[in-house]
């Protein structure tokens, strides 16, 4: 069995210390990591991913596909600048009394 992790960025996570750990973990589990790679098209009839790796298109056959769409943070988080390009590197701490979905009573 072959497991392949495809990420569109130059590294798995973007933080060197975390990337080092994730690369080592992937290696230990026998996971192939393709960085700077995007899925251009999924051909479900032939069970093939058409990959965009810079100027080199390639194909990757699959038997089981777990495809996760790009994550979009909720609006209340991005309103403060977190989760978008140029935003803060860490999201703000959200305390229960400031979260819009919770109700707190005075202590």
C-alpha atoms as a PDB file:
ATOM      1  CA  UNK A   1       0.000   0.000   0.000  1.00  0.00           C
ATOM      2  CA  UNK A   2       1.210   3.485  -0.852  1.00  0.00           C
ATOM      3  CA  UNK A   3       0.085   6.606   0.988  1.00  0.00           C
ATOM      4  CA  UNK A   4       0.766  10.003  -0.549  1.00  0.00           C
ATOM      5  CA  UNK A   5       0.253  13.399   1.100  1.00  0.00           C
ATOM      6  CA  UNK A   6      -0.105  16.253  -1.390  1.00  0.00           C
ATOM      7  CA  UNK A   7       0.303  19.845  -0.194  1.00  0.00           C
ATOM      8  CA  UNK A   8       0.332  22.980  -2.361  1.00  0.00           C
ATOM      9  CA  UNK A   9       3.026  24.725  -0.278  1.00  0.00           C
ATOM     10  CA  UNK A  10       6.816  24.316  -0.274  1.00  0.00           C
ATOM     11  CA  UNK A  11       6.626  22.529   3.103  1.00  0.00           C
ATOM     12  CA  UNK A  12       4.044  20.473   4.951  1.00  0.00           C
ATOM     13  CA  UNK A  13       3.112  23.056   7.587  1.00  0.00           C
ATOM     14  CA  UNK A  14       5.170  26.219   7.155  1.00  0.00           C
ATOM     15  CA  UNK A  15       6.914  26.286  10.526  1.00  0.00           C
ATOM     16  CA  UNK A  16      10.429  24.768  10.324  1.00  0.00           C
ATOM     17  CA  UNK A  17      10.374  22.923  13.669  1.00  0.00           C
ATOM     18  CA  UNK A  18       6.933  21.471  12.938  1.00  0.00           C
ATOM     19  CA  UNK A  19       7.892  20.603   9.360  1.00  0.00           C
ATOM     20  CA  UNK A  20      10.957  18.699  10.549  1.00  0.00           C
ATOM     21  CA  UNK A  21       8.812  16.588  12.877  1.00  0.00           C
ATOM     22  CA  UNK A  22       6.107  15.979  10.274  1.00  0.00           C
ATOM     23  CA  UNK A  23       8.613  14.994   7.577  1.00  0.00           C
ATOM     24  CA  UNK A  24      10.256  12.535   9.970  1.00  0.00           C
ATOM     25  CA  UNK A  25       6.876  11.142  11.032  1.00  0.00           C
ATOM     26  CA  UNK A  26       5.811  10.711   7.390  1.00  0.00           C
ATOM     27  CA  UNK A  27       9.086   8.951   6.632  1.00  0.00           C
ATOM     28  CA  UNK A  28       8.650   6.558   9.572  1.00  0.00           C
ATOM     29  CA  UNK A  29       5.161   5.640   8.377  1.00  0.00           C
ATOM     30  CA  UNK A  30       6.265   5.280   4.755  1.00  0.00           C
ATOM     31  CA  UNK A  31       4.191   8.238   3.552  1.00  0.00           C
ATOM     32  CA  UNK A  32       5.302   9.934   0.342  1.00  0.00           C
ATOM     33  CA  UNK A  33       5.012  13.721   0.610  1.00  0.00           C
ATOM     34  CA  UNK A  34       4.568  15.816  -2.533  1.00  0.00           C
ATOM     35  CA  UNK A  35       5.095  19.523  -1.803  1.00  0.00           C
ATOM     36  CA  UNK A  36       4.421  22.424  -4.184  1.00  0.00           C
ATOM     37  CA  UNK A  37       1.818  20.194  -5.819  1.00  0.00           C
ATOM     38  CA  UNK A  38      -1.824  20.867  -6.597  1.00  0.00           C
ATOM     39  CA  UNK A  39      -4.553  18.524  -7.736  1.00  0.00           C
ATOM     40  CA  UNK A  40      -5.630  19.936 -11.073  1.00  0.00           C
ATOM     41  CA  UNK A  41      -8.281  17.357 -11.846  1.00  0.00           C
ATOM     42  CA  UNK A  42      -9.676  14.116 -10.484  1.00  0.00           C
ATOM     43  CA  UNK A  43     -10.560  11.513 -13.092  1.00  0.00           C
ATOM     44  CA  UNK A  44     -12.963   9.212 -11.257  1.00  0.00           C
ATOM     45  CA  UNK A  45     -13.378   6.849 -14.213  1.00  0.00           C
ATOM     46  CA  UNK A  46      -9.695   5.955 -14.373  1.00  0.00           C
ATOM     47  CA  UNK A  47      -9.087   6.666 -10.645  1.00  0.00           C
ATOM     48  CA  UNK A  48      -6.317   9.096 -11.452  1.00  0.00           C
ATOM     49  CA  UNK A  49      -5.280  12.439  -9.994  1.00  0.00           C
ATOM     50  CA  UNK A  50      -3.917  14.921 -12.513  1.00  0.00           C
ATOM     51  CA  UNK A  51      -1.308  16.884 -10.608  1.00  0.00           C
ATOM     52  CA  UNK A  52       0.187  20.302 -11.275  1.00  0.00           C
ATOM     53  CA  UNK A  53       3.784  20.380 -10.068  1.00  0.00           C
ATOM     54  CA  UNK A  54       5.033  23.694 -11.402  1.00  0.00           C
ATOM     55  CA  UNK A  55       5.596  23.233 -15.113  1.00  0.00           C
ATOM     56  CA  UNK A  56       5.497  19.435 -14.882  1.00  0.00           C
ATOM     57  CA  UNK A  57       2.043  17.855 -15.079  1.00  0.00           C
ATOM     58  CA  UNK A  58       1.862  14.313 -13.771  1.00  0.00           C
ATOM     59  CA  UNK A  59      -0.639  11.645 -12.879  1.00  0.00           C
ATOM     60  CA  UNK A  60      -1.111   9.647  -9.719  1.00  0.00           C
ATOM     61  CA  UNK A  61      -3.377   6.576  -9.720  1.00  0.00           C
ATOM     62  CA  UNK A  62      -5.392   5.850  -6.594  1.00  0.00           C
ATOM     63  CA  UNK A  63      -7.533   3.106  -5.103  1.00  0.00           C
ATOM     64  CA  UNK A  64      -8.813   5.137  -2.145  1.00  0.00           C
ATOM     65  CA  UNK A  65      -8.935   8.926  -2.204  1.00  0.00           C
ATOM     66  CA  UNK A  66      -9.395  11.192   0.796  1.00  0.00           C
ATOM     67  CA  UNK A  67      -9.547  14.714  -0.613  1.00  0.00           C
ATOM     68  CA  UNK A  68      -9.809  17.688   1.731  1.00  0.00           C
ATOM     69  CA  UNK A  69     -10.843  21.002   0.262  1.00  0.00           C
ATOM     70  CA  UNK A  70      -8.986  24.146   1.269  1.00  0.00           C
ATOM     71  CA  UNK A  71      -9.994  25.278   4.755  1.00  0.00           C
ATOM     72  CA  UNK A  72     -11.785  28.595   5.154  1.00  0.00           C
ATOM     73  CA  UNK A  73     -11.749  29.967   8.696  1.00  0.00           C
ATOM     74  CA  UNK A  74     -15.017  31.382  10.044  1.00  0.00           C
ATOM     75  CA  UNK A  75     -15.753  35.082   9.464  1.00  0.00           C
ATOM     76  CA  UNK A  76     -15.555  35.987  13.161  1.00  0.00           C
ATOM     77  CA  UNK A  77     -11.941  34.775  13.165  1.00  0.00           C
ATOM     78  CA  UNK A  78     -10.837  36.463   9.944  1.00  0.00           C
ATOM     79  CA  UNK A  79     -12.515  39.751  10.972  1.00  0.00           C
ATOM     80  CA  UNK A  80      -9.670  40.261  13.440  1.00  0.00           C
ATOM     81  CA  UNK A  81      -6.997  39.521  10.818  1.00  0.00           C
ATOM     82  CA  UNK A  82      -6.268  35.900  11.707  1.00  0.00           C
ATOM     83  CA  UNK A  83      -6.386  33.192   9.085  1.00  0.00           C
ATOM     84  CA  UNK A  84      -5.766  35.368   6.046  1.00  0.00           C
ATOM     85  CA  UNK A  85      -2.669  36.447   4.153  1.00  0.00           C
ATOM     86  CA  UNK A  86      -1.031  39.325   5.992  1.00  0.00           C
ATOM     87  CA  UNK A  87      -2.977  38.508   9.147  1.00  0.00           C
ATOM     88  CA  UNK A  88      -1.575  37.583  12.502  1.00  0.00           C
ATOM     89  CA  UNK A  89       0.431  34.396  12.631  1.00  0.00           C
ATOM     90  CA  UNK A  90      -1.564  33.130  15.592  1.00  0.00           C
ATOM     91  CA  UNK A  91      -5.313  33.426  16.037  1.00  0.00           C
ATOM     92  CA  UNK A  92      -6.474  35.464  19.014  1.00  0.00           C
ATOM     93  CA  UNK A  93      -7.417  33.677  22.195  1.00  0.00           C
ATOM     94  CA  UNK A  94     -11.190  33.374  22.250  1.00  0.00           C
ATOM     95  CA  UNK A  95     -12.588  33.440  25.728  1.00  0.00           C
ATOM     96  CA  UNK A  96     -16.077  31.967  26.278  1.00  0.00           C
ATOM     97  CA  UNK A  97     -17.603  35.337  27.103  1.00  0.00           C
ATOM     98  CA  UNK A  98     -16.462  36.814  23.761  1.00  0.00           C
ATOM     99  CA  UNK A  99     -17.452  33.923  21.532  1.00  0.00           C
ATOM    100  CA  UNK A 100     -20.676  34.759  19.660  1.00  0.00           C
ATOM    101  CA  UNK A 101     -22.271  31.354  20.203  1.00  0.00           C
ATOM    102  CA  UNK A 102     -21.970  31.257  23.999  1.00  0.00           C
ATOM    103  CA  UNK A 103     -23.891  32.956  26.738  1.00  0.00           C
ATOM    104  CA  UNK A 104     -22.305  33.646  30.051  1.00  0.00           C
ATOM    105  CA  UNK A 105     -23.836  34.954  33.216  1.00  0.00           C
ATOM    106  CA  UNK A 106     -22.082  37.360  35.574  1.00  0.00           C
ATOM    107  CA  UNK A 107     -20.039  35.674  38.281  1.00  0.00           C
END
